[in-house]
Amino acid sequence: MHTRFILIETSHAGNVGATARALKVMGFDDLVLVKPRWSNVLRREETIQRASGALDVLNNARIVDSLDDALEGMTHLCATAMTPRDFGPPTLEPRGHFAALIEKGLDGEVQSDAQNKAQYKAQNDPRALQQVHSQKGVAFLFGSERYGMRNEDVYRCHACIRIPTNPQFGSLNLASAVQVLAYEWRLALGGFATSDQGDVETTPELADAQQIAGLLLHWQEALAAIDFLDPDSPKKLMPRLNQLLNRAGLTQEEVHILRGIAKATLQAAAVKR
């Protein structure tokens, strides 16, 4: 599914660079700027520095004169705003909305604009989830740092995404907001396997019951050598240690370490005697 991030009338060059970095980290590369403050914002030093190596995203980014140009090919639009609009689309949290989009098969089918409006007016009515139309892509729209998104731009969208923040202080830096939504959208799309991030250690092999029993015998001998355990009156010490080791789920390497400690304990006790 094609994903596009659109920054409308961005005023700080650093936010453009930081946005490029946020997108690259999450595996997205379609960035469009609508009438940014600086016509050369993609080449400004602050932009490049804040991009931190995401130069390919900057090189692929486009600057356009109108939101209409930025929305070409996009059929599901997500506005971002802190406060809901009286006559706009519903204000939704990203994780729930993204999950619903994926469940409905956004990459293949979604509802038309009219159907979306009907759905959101009756979100609990299953009858609102009917008749779908082809989908080309999803776009996330972000407004100016100074005044956010204009009402007329929000009204064009299918949903208004609000990041659940502290009610007493909900203002997010533009690039930070992009990072959060890019992460949530990537998570909804399935994320990235951790094995793709480089070498991953293989799962260590757990010690078997026989190795645990050998460890306990070794520790019993060592504890007796330092007079911590009375062989004639051991009480419940060893069974309790047995249960402790079972809960710990020791690996074979850890058993070797603990047996090494027991061996060192026996050697130290022998020297003292």
C-alpha atoms as a PDB file:
ATOM      1  CA  MET A   1       0.000   0.000   0.000  1.00  0.00           C
ATOM      2  CA  HIS A   2       1.395   3.394  -0.931  1.00  0.00           C
ATOM      3  CA  THR A   3       1.884   5.798   1.963  1.00  0.00           C
ATOM      4  CA  ARG A   4       2.544   9.523   1.695  1.00  0.00           C
ATOM      5  CA  PHE A   5       3.383  12.108   4.353  1.00  0.00           C
ATOM      6  CA  ILE A   6       2.388  15.694   3.537  1.00  0.00           C
ATOM      7  CA  LEU A   7       3.690  18.762   5.383  1.00  0.00           C
ATOM      8  CA  ILE A   8       1.604  21.881   4.767  1.00  0.00           C
ATOM      9  CA  GLU A   9       3.307  25.295   4.925  1.00  0.00           C
ATOM     10  CA  THR A  10       6.131  24.122   7.153  1.00  0.00           C
ATOM     11  CA  SER A  11       8.062  27.048   8.633  1.00  0.00           C
ATOM     12  CA  HIS A  12      11.131  25.381  10.205  1.00  0.00           C
ATOM     13  CA  ALA A  13      13.705  23.741   7.951  1.00  0.00           C
ATOM     14  CA  GLY A  14      14.907  21.510  10.780  1.00  0.00           C
ATOM     15  CA  ASN A  15      11.492  19.882  11.011  1.00  0.00           C
ATOM     16  CA  VAL A  16      11.693  18.891   7.361  1.00  0.00           C
ATOM     17  CA  GLY A  17      15.028  17.169   7.936  1.00  0.00           C
ATOM     18  CA  ALA A  18      13.831  15.485  11.127  1.00  0.00           C
ATOM     19  CA  THR A  19      10.705  14.316   9.300  1.00  0.00           C
ATOM     20  CA  ALA A  20      12.849  12.731   6.584  1.00  0.00           C
ATOM     21  CA  ARG A  21      14.791  10.903   9.278  1.00  0.00           C
ATOM     22  CA  ALA A  22      11.587   9.723  10.957  1.00  0.00           C
ATOM     23  CA  LEU A  23      10.223   8.376   7.678  1.00  0.00           C
ATOM     24  CA  LYS A  24      13.421   6.552   6.732  1.00  0.00           C
ATOM     25  CA  VAL A  25      13.596   4.866  10.139  1.00  0.00           C
ATOM     26  CA  MET A  26      10.072   3.539   9.615  1.00  0.00           C
ATOM     27  CA  GLY A  27      10.655   2.517   5.995  1.00  0.00           C
ATOM     28  CA  PHE A  28       8.693   5.291   4.234  1.00  0.00           C
ATOM     29  CA  ASP A  29      10.062   7.583   1.542  1.00  0.00           C
ATOM     30  CA  ASP A  30       7.207   9.601   0.007  1.00  0.00           C
ATOM     31  CA  LEU A  31       7.392  13.124   1.429  1.00  0.00           C
ATOM     32  CA  VAL A  32       5.573  16.093  -0.115  1.00  0.00           C
ATOM     33  CA  LEU A  33       5.831  19.703   1.054  1.00  0.00           C
ATOM     34  CA  VAL A  34       3.038  22.149   0.307  1.00  0.00           C
ATOM     35  CA  LYS A  35       4.250  25.745   0.069  1.00  0.00           C
ATOM     36  CA  PRO A  36       7.013  25.549   2.702  1.00  0.00           C
ATOM     37  CA  ARG A  37       8.452  28.794   4.041  1.00  0.00           C
ATOM     38  CA  TRP A  38      11.759  28.208   2.264  1.00  0.00           C
ATOM     39  CA  SER A  39      11.727  27.351  -1.425  1.00  0.00           C
ATOM     40  CA  ASN A  40      15.138  25.707  -1.021  1.00  0.00           C
ATOM     41  CA  VAL A  41      14.235  23.946   2.213  1.00  0.00           C
ATOM     42  CA  LEU A  42      15.334  20.542   0.919  1.00  0.00           C
ATOM     43  CA  ARG A  43      18.874  21.847   0.409  1.00  0.00           C
ATOM     44  CA  ARG A  44      19.253  24.029   3.494  1.00  0.00           C
ATOM     45  CA  GLU A  45      22.048  23.138   5.907  1.00  0.00           C
ATOM     46  CA  GLU A  46      19.725  22.751   8.903  1.00  0.00           C
ATOM     47  CA  THR A  47      17.494  20.393   6.929  1.00  0.00           C
ATOM     48  CA  ILE A  48      20.393  18.182   5.907  1.00  0.00           C
ATOM     49  CA  GLN A  49      21.856  18.114   9.401  1.00  0.00           C
ATOM     50  CA  ARG A  50      18.556  17.148  11.028  1.00  0.00           C
ATOM     51  CA  ALA A  51      17.982  14.445   8.403  1.00  0.00           C
ATOM     52  CA  SER A  52      20.967  12.565   9.894  1.00  0.00           C
ATOM     53  CA  GLY A  53      21.672  10.558   6.761  1.00  0.00           C
ATOM     54  CA  ALA A  54      18.147  10.291   5.353  1.00  0.00           C
ATOM     55  CA  LEU A  55      19.280  12.162   2.263  1.00  0.00           C
ATOM     56  CA  ASP A  56      17.515   9.758  -0.093  1.00  0.00           C
ATOM     57  CA  VAL A  57      14.172  10.781   1.403  1.00  0.00           C
ATOM     58  CA  LEU A  58      15.066  14.461   0.927  1.00  0.00           C
ATOM     59  CA  ASN A  59      16.208  13.828  -2.635  1.00  0.00           C
ATOM     60  CA  ASN A  60      12.915  12.107  -3.443  1.00  0.00           C
ATOM     61  CA  ALA A  61      10.775  14.725  -1.687  1.00  0.00           C
ATOM     62  CA  ARG A  62       8.646  17.096  -3.756  1.00  0.00           C
ATOM     63  CA  ILE A  63       7.558  20.679  -3.229  1.00  0.00           C
ATOM     64  CA  VAL A  64       4.135  21.594  -4.630  1.00  0.00           C
ATOM     65  CA  ASP A  65       2.022  24.739  -4.720  1.00  0.00           C
ATOM     66  CA  SER A  66      -1.266  23.294  -3.530  1.00  0.00           C
ATOM     67  CA  LEU A  67      -2.700  20.523  -1.417  1.00  0.00           C
ATOM     68  CA  ASP A  68      -4.514  19.224  -4.495  1.00  0.00           C
ATOM     69  CA  ASP A  69      -1.155  18.510  -6.119  1.00  0.00           C
ATOM     70  CA  ALA A  70       0.070  16.734  -2.993  1.00  0.00           C
ATOM     71  CA  LEU A  71      -2.984  14.466  -2.844  1.00  0.00           C
ATOM     72  CA  GLU A  72      -2.696  13.025  -6.331  1.00  0.00           C
ATOM     73  CA  GLY A  73      -3.250   9.260  -6.201  1.00  0.00           C
ATOM     74  CA  MET A  74      -4.284   9.289  -2.522  1.00  0.00           C
ATOM     75  CA  THR A  75      -7.774   8.128  -1.620  1.00  0.00           C
ATOM     76  CA  HIS A  76      -7.718   7.811   2.176  1.00  0.00           C
ATOM     77  CA  LEU A  77      -6.695  11.009   3.953  1.00  0.00           C
ATOM     78  CA  CYS A  78      -5.781  11.341   7.611  1.00  0.00           C
ATOM     79  CA  ALA A  79      -5.582  14.834   9.075  1.00  0.00           C
ATOM     80  CA  THR A  80      -3.693  15.499  12.293  1.00  0.00           C
ATOM     81  CA  ALA A  81      -5.062  17.911  14.879  1.00  0.00           C
ATOM     82  CA  MET A  82      -5.194  18.369  18.638  1.00  0.00           C
ATOM     83  CA  THR A  83      -8.841  19.446  18.729  1.00  0.00           C
ATOM     84  CA  PRO A  84     -11.847  18.088  16.804  1.00  0.00           C
ATOM     85  CA  ARG A  85     -13.698  20.231  14.253  1.00  0.00           C
ATOM     86  CA  ASP A  86     -17.435  20.738  14.617  1.00  0.00           C
ATOM     87  CA  PHE A  87     -18.201  19.743  11.045  1.00  0.00           C
ATOM     88  CA  GLY A  88     -15.128  17.715  10.222  1.00  0.00           C
ATOM     89  CA  PRO A  89     -14.322  14.013  10.218  1.00  0.00           C
ATOM     90  CA  PRO A  90     -14.297  12.070  13.494  1.00  0.00           C
ATOM     91  CA  THR A  91     -11.319  12.489  15.791  1.00  0.00           C
ATOM     92  CA  LEU A  92      -9.742   9.071  16.346  1.00  0.00           C
ATOM     93  CA  GLU A  93      -6.675   7.648  18.052  1.00  0.00           C
ATOM     94  CA  PRO A  94      -4.089   6.313  15.607  1.00  0.00           C
ATOM     95  CA  ARG A  95      -3.703   2.729  16.798  1.00  0.00           C
ATOM     96  CA  GLY A  96      -7.389   1.904  16.756  1.00  0.00           C
ATOM     97  CA  HIS A  97      -8.050   3.627  13.442  1.00  0.00           C
ATOM     98  CA  PHE A  98      -5.050   2.057  11.720  1.00  0.00           C
ATOM     99  CA  ALA A  99      -6.002  -1.389  12.958  1.00  0.00           C
ATOM    100  CA  ALA A 100      -9.516  -0.893  11.602  1.00  0.00           C
ATOM    101  CA  LEU A 101      -8.130   0.167   8.225  1.00  0.00           C
ATOM    102  CA  ILE A 102      -5.943  -2.904   7.986  1.00  0.00           C
ATOM    103  CA  GLU A 103      -8.787  -5.165   9.097  1.00  0.00           C
ATOM    104  CA  LYS A 104     -11.014  -3.719   6.377  1.00  0.00           C
ATOM    105  CA  GLY A 105      -8.295  -4.390   3.814  1.00  0.00           C
ATOM    106  CA  LEU A 106      -7.201  -0.845   3.076  1.00  0.00           C
ATOM    107  CA  ASP A 107      -4.644  -2.050   0.602  1.00  0.00           C
ATOM    108  CA  GLY A 108      -7.369  -3.538  -1.527  1.00  0.00           C
ATOM    109  CA  GLU A 109     -10.633  -1.871  -0.640  1.00  0.00           C
ATOM    110  CA  VAL A 110     -12.040   1.028   1.348  1.00  0.00           C
ATOM    111  CA  GLN A 111     -15.258   2.955   1.499  1.00  0.00           C
ATOM    112  CA  SER A 112     -16.022   6.002  -0.574  1.00  0.00           C
ATOM    113  CA  ASP A 113     -15.970   9.460   1.029  1.00  0.00           C
ATOM    114  CA  ALA A 114     -19.728   9.448   1.492  1.00  0.00           C
ATOM    115  CA  GLN A 115     -19.665   6.008   3.054  1.00  0.00           C
ATOM    116  CA  ASN A 116     -16.864   7.017   5.410  1.00  0.00           C
ATOM    117  CA  LYS A 117     -18.880   9.972   6.654  1.00  0.00           C
ATOM    118  CA  ALA A 118     -21.892   7.747   7.212  1.00  0.00           C
ATOM    119  CA  GLN A 119     -19.735   5.191   9.007  1.00  0.00           C
ATOM    120  CA  TYR A 120     -18.231   7.713  11.390  1.00  0.00           C
ATOM    121  CA  LYS A 121     -21.608   9.224  12.237  1.00  0.00           C
ATOM    122  CA  ALA A 122     -22.756   5.766  13.321  1.00  0.00           C
ATOM    123  CA  GLN A 123     -19.537   4.055  14.342  1.00  0.00           C
ATOM    124  CA  ASN A 124     -21.348   1.377  16.336  1.00  0.00           C
ATOM    125  CA  ASP A 125     -23.738   0.491  13.551  1.00  0.00           C
ATOM    126  CA  PRO A 126     -22.502  -2.528  11.514  1.00  0.00           C
ATOM    127  CA  ARG A 127     -24.691  -1.386   8.629  1.00  0.00           C
ATOM    128  CA  ALA A 128     -22.286   1.553   8.190  1.00  0.00           C
ATOM    129  CA  LEU A 129     -19.558  -0.906   7.144  1.00  0.00           C
ATOM    130  CA  GLN A 130     -20.774  -1.758   3.674  1.00  0.00           C
ATOM    131  CA  GLN A 131     -19.860  -1.264  -0.016  1.00  0.00           C
ATOM    132  CA  VAL A 132     -16.184  -0.647  -0.690  1.00  0.00           C
ATOM    133  CA  HIS A 133     -14.284   0.975  -3.513  1.00  0.00           C
ATOM    134  CA  SER A 134     -10.734   0.617  -4.819  1.00  0.00           C
ATOM    135  CA  GLN A 135      -7.924   2.164  -2.802  1.00  0.00           C
ATOM    136  CA  LYS A 136      -4.662   3.541  -4.134  1.00  0.00           C
ATOM    137  CA  GLY A 137      -2.937   4.972  -1.088  1.00  0.00           C
ATOM    138  CA  VAL A 138      -3.126   6.620   2.300  1.00  0.00           C
ATOM    139  CA  ALA A 139      -1.851  10.105   3.103  1.00  0.00           C
ATOM    140  CA  PHE A 140      -1.050  11.701   6.462  1.00  0.00           C
ATOM    141  CA  LEU A 141      -1.418  15.475   6.527  1.00  0.00           C
ATOM    142  CA  PHE A 142       0.409  17.748   8.979  1.00  0.00           C
ATOM    143  CA  GLY A 143      -0.217  21.480   9.289  1.00  0.00           C
ATOM    144  CA  SER A 144       2.029  24.431   9.951  1.00  0.00           C
ATOM    145  CA  GLU A 145       3.951  24.614  13.227  1.00  0.00           C
ATOM    146  CA  ARG A 146       2.356  28.004  13.845  1.00  0.00           C
ATOM    147  CA  TYR A 147      -1.337  27.310  13.393  1.00  0.00           C
ATOM    148  CA  GLY A 148      -1.786  23.639  12.537  1.00  0.00           C
ATOM    149  CA  MET A 149      -4.193  22.559   9.802  1.00  0.00           C
ATOM    150  CA  ARG A 150      -6.818  24.846   8.327  1.00  0.00           C
ATOM    151  CA  ASN A 151     -10.413  23.759   8.761  1.00  0.00           C
ATOM    152  CA  GLU A 152     -10.974  23.430   5.022  1.00  0.00           C
ATOM    153  CA  ASP A 153      -8.044  21.010   4.767  1.00  0.00           C
ATOM    154  CA  VAL A 154      -9.265  18.943   7.701  1.00  0.00           C
ATOM    155  CA  TYR A 155     -12.763  18.749   6.186  1.00  0.00           C
ATOM    156  CA  ARG A 156     -11.354  16.999   3.128  1.00  0.00           C
ATOM    157  CA  CYS A 157     -10.050  14.101   5.202  1.00  0.00           C
ATOM    158  CA  HIS A 158     -11.670  10.817   6.151  1.00  0.00           C
ATOM    159  CA  ALA A 159     -10.364  10.902   9.724  1.00  0.00           C
ATOM    160  CA  CYS A 160      -8.712  13.331  12.079  1.00  0.00           C
ATOM    161  CA  ILE A 161      -5.921  11.549  13.959  1.00  0.00           C
ATOM    162  CA  ARG A 162      -5.178  12.723  17.483  1.00  0.00           C
ATOM    163  CA  ILE A 163      -2.203  11.316  19.372  1.00  0.00           C
ATOM    164  CA  PRO A 164      -3.299  10.594  22.966  1.00  0.00           C
ATOM    165  CA  THR A 165      -1.154  13.037  24.932  1.00  0.00           C
ATOM    166  CA  ASN A 166      -1.233  14.726  28.322  1.00  0.00           C
ATOM    167  CA  PRO A 167      -4.506  16.745  28.415  1.00  0.00           C
ATOM    168  CA  GLN A 168      -2.687  19.583  30.215  1.00  0.00           C
ATOM    169  CA  PHE A 169       0.170  19.688  27.675  1.00  0.00           C
ATOM    170  CA  GLY A 170      -0.567  18.028  24.366  1.00  0.00           C
ATOM    171  CA  SER A 171       1.606  20.063  22.014  1.00  0.00           C
ATOM    172  CA  LEU A 172       4.028  17.902  20.010  1.00  0.00           C
ATOM    173  CA  ASN A 173       6.883  19.040  17.817  1.00  0.00           C
ATOM    174  CA  LEU A 174       5.972  18.479  14.160  1.00  0.00           C
ATOM    175  CA  ALA A 175       8.715  15.938  13.461  1.00  0.00           C
ATOM    176  CA  SER A 176       7.904  14.123  16.714  1.00  0.00           C
ATOM    177  CA  ALA A 177       4.276  13.815  15.658  1.00  0.00           C
ATOM    178  CA  VAL A 178       5.377  12.441  12.289  1.00  0.00           C
ATOM    179  CA  GLN A 179       7.591   9.894  14.055  1.00  0.00           C
ATOM    180  CA  VAL A 180       4.762   8.701  16.292  1.00  0.00           C
ATOM    181  CA  LEU A 181       2.296   8.254  13.437  1.00  0.00           C
ATOM    182  CA  ALA A 182       4.898   6.692  11.147  1.00  0.00           C
ATOM    183  CA  TYR A 183       5.665   4.186  13.898  1.00  0.00           C
ATOM    184  CA  GLU A 184       1.990   3.402  14.546  1.00  0.00           C
ATOM    185  CA  TRP A 185       1.305   2.972  10.827  1.00  0.00           C
ATOM    186  CA  ARG A 186       4.339   0.727  10.356  1.00  0.00           C
ATOM    187  CA  LEU A 187       3.206  -1.296  13.369  1.00  0.00           C
ATOM    188  CA  ALA A 188      -0.248  -1.689  11.814  1.00  0.00           C
ATOM    189  CA  LEU A 189       1.351  -2.820   8.559  1.00  0.00           C
ATOM    190  CA  GLY A 190       3.249  -5.545  10.383  1.00  0.00           C
ATOM    191  CA  GLY A 191       6.421  -3.798  11.502  1.00  0.00           C
ATOM    192  CA  PHE A 192       9.924  -5.047  10.833  1.00  0.00           C
ATOM    193  CA  ALA A 193      11.291  -8.361  12.057  1.00  0.00           C
ATOM    194  CA  THR A 194      13.993  -7.851  14.660  1.00  0.00           C
ATOM    195  CA  SER A 195      16.214 -10.284  12.772  1.00  0.00           C
ATOM    196  CA  ASP A 196      16.429  -7.687  10.000  1.00  0.00           C
ATOM    197  CA  GLN A 197      18.299  -5.318  12.286  1.00  0.00           C
ATOM    198  CA  GLY A 198      21.591  -7.231  12.250  1.00  0.00           C
ATOM    199  CA  ASP A 199      23.061 -10.273  13.934  1.00  0.00           C
ATOM    200  CA  VAL A 200      20.815 -11.798  16.564  1.00  0.00           C
ATOM    201  CA  GLU A 201      22.060 -14.210  19.166  1.00  0.00           C
ATOM    202  CA  THR A 202      20.673 -17.712  18.913  1.00  0.00           C
ATOM    203  CA  THR A 203      18.414 -18.877  21.723  1.00  0.00           C
ATOM    204  CA  PRO A 204      20.607 -20.495  24.407  1.00  0.00           C
ATOM    205  CA  GLU A 205      19.956 -24.145  25.137  1.00  0.00           C
ATOM    206  CA  LEU A 206      18.349 -24.810  28.510  1.00  0.00           C
ATOM    207  CA  ALA A 207      19.943 -27.163  30.969  1.00  0.00           C
ATOM    208  CA  ASP A 208      18.204 -30.533  31.301  1.00  0.00           C
ATOM    209  CA  ALA A 209      17.122 -32.245  34.535  1.00  0.00           C
ATOM    210  CA  GLN A 210      20.318 -34.316  34.746  1.00  0.00           C
ATOM    211  CA  GLN A 211      22.511 -31.214  34.555  1.00  0.00           C
ATOM    212  CA  ILE A 212      20.438 -29.506  37.252  1.00  0.00           C
ATOM    213  CA  ALA A 213      20.783 -32.586  39.475  1.00  0.00           C
ATOM    214  CA  GLY A 214      24.569 -32.572  38.996  1.00  0.00           C
ATOM    215  CA  LEU A 215      24.676 -28.884  39.883  1.00  0.00           C
ATOM    216  CA  LEU A 216      22.692 -29.513  43.071  1.00  0.00           C
ATOM    217  CA  LEU A 217      25.036 -32.292  44.177  1.00  0.00           C
ATOM    218  CA  HIS A 218      28.025 -30.040  43.546  1.00  0.00           C
ATOM    219  CA  TRP A 219      26.437 -27.201  45.515  1.00  0.00           C
ATOM    220  CA  GLN A 220      25.461 -29.551  48.327  1.00  0.00           C
ATOM    221  CA  GLU A 221      29.105 -30.571  48.683  1.00  0.00           C
ATOM    222  CA  ALA A 222      30.278 -26.955  48.590  1.00  0.00           C
ATOM    223  CA  LEU A 223      27.699 -25.730  51.106  1.00  0.00           C
ATOM    224  CA  ALA A 224      28.633 -28.510  53.477  1.00  0.00           C
ATOM    225  CA  ALA A 225      32.340 -27.593  53.129  1.00  0.00           C
ATOM    226  CA  ILE A 226      31.667 -24.056  54.385  1.00  0.00           C
ATOM    227  CA  ASP A 227      29.296 -25.309  57.125  1.00  0.00           C
ATOM    228  CA  PHE A 228      26.261 -23.652  55.543  1.00  0.00           C
ATOM    229  CA  LEU A 229      24.603 -27.069  55.207  1.00  0.00           C
ATOM    230  CA  ASP A 230      24.578 -29.722  57.921  1.00  0.00           C
ATOM    231  CA  PRO A 231      24.630 -33.090  56.099  1.00  0.00           C
ATOM    232  CA  ASP A 232      23.072 -34.780  59.138  1.00  0.00           C
ATOM    233  CA  SER A 233      20.201 -32.287  59.234  1.00  0.00           C
ATOM    234  CA  PRO A 234      19.750 -30.829  55.777  1.00  0.00           C
ATOM    235  CA  LYS A 235      16.072 -30.026  56.329  1.00  0.00           C
ATOM    236  CA  LYS A 236      14.466 -28.622  53.153  1.00  0.00           C
ATOM    237  CA  LEU A 237      17.406 -26.621  51.854  1.00  0.00           C
ATOM    238  CA  MET A 238      18.242 -28.726  48.794  1.00  0.00           C
ATOM    239  CA  PRO A 239      14.627 -29.253  47.626  1.00  0.00           C
ATOM    240  CA  ARG A 240      14.099 -25.515  47.924  1.00  0.00           C
ATOM    241  CA  LEU A 241      17.241 -24.825  45.929  1.00  0.00           C
ATOM    242  CA  ASN A 242      15.986 -27.343  43.387  1.00  0.00           C
ATOM    243  CA  GLN A 243      12.728 -25.408  43.013  1.00  0.00           C
ATOM    244  CA  LEU A 244      14.618 -22.124  42.753  1.00  0.00           C
ATOM    245  CA  LEU A 245      16.755 -23.479  39.908  1.00  0.00           C
ATOM    246  CA  ASN A 246      13.688 -24.869  38.132  1.00  0.00           C
ATOM    247  CA  ARG A 247      12.001 -21.456  38.245  1.00  0.00           C
ATOM    248  CA  ALA A 248      15.160 -19.789  36.975  1.00  0.00           C
ATOM    249  CA  GLY A 249      15.189 -21.870  33.791  1.00  0.00           C
ATOM    250  CA  LEU A 250      18.977 -22.094  33.711  1.00  0.00           C
ATOM    251  CA  THR A 251      20.892 -22.436  30.487  1.00  0.00           C
ATOM    252  CA  GLN A 252      23.746 -24.881  30.125  1.00  0.00           C
ATOM    253  CA  GLU A 253      26.241 -22.014  30.257  1.00  0.00           C
ATOM    254  CA  GLU A 254      24.718 -20.770  33.511  1.00  0.00           C
ATOM    255  CA  VAL A 255      25.004 -24.263  35.007  1.00  0.00           C
ATOM    256  CA  HIS A 256      28.700 -24.245  34.122  1.00  0.00           C
ATOM    257  CA  ILE A 257      29.115 -20.888  35.870  1.00  0.00           C
ATOM    258  CA  LEU A 258      27.352 -22.054  39.031  1.00  0.00           C
ATOM    259  CA  ARG A 259      29.363 -25.263  39.122  1.00  0.00           C
ATOM    260  CA  GLY A 260      32.496 -23.147  38.746  1.00  0.00           C
ATOM    261  CA  ILE A 261      31.439 -21.187  41.831  1.00  0.00           C
ATOM    262  CA  ALA A 262      30.911 -24.447  43.725  1.00  0.00           C
ATOM    263  CA  LYS A 263      34.357 -25.682  42.675  1.00  0.00           C
ATOM    264  CA  ALA A 264      35.999 -22.429  43.810  1.00  0.00           C
ATOM    265  CA  THR A 265      34.114 -22.628  47.109  1.00  0.00           C
ATOM    266  CA  LEU A 266      35.430 -26.188  47.744  1.00  0.00           C
ATOM    267  CA  GLN A 267      39.008 -25.096  46.923  1.00  0.00           C
ATOM    268  CA  ALA A 268      38.803 -22.110  49.265  1.00  0.00           C
ATOM    269  CA  ALA A 269      37.376 -24.262  52.068  1.00  0.00           C
ATOM    270  CA  ALA A 270      40.183 -26.814  51.616  1.00  0.00           C
ATOM    271  CA  VAL A 271      42.865 -24.098  51.919  1.00  0.00           C
ATOM    272  CA  LYS A 272      41.384 -22.779  55.165  1.00  0.00           C
ATOM    273  CA  ARG A 273      41.423 -26.232  56.675  1.00  0.00           C
END
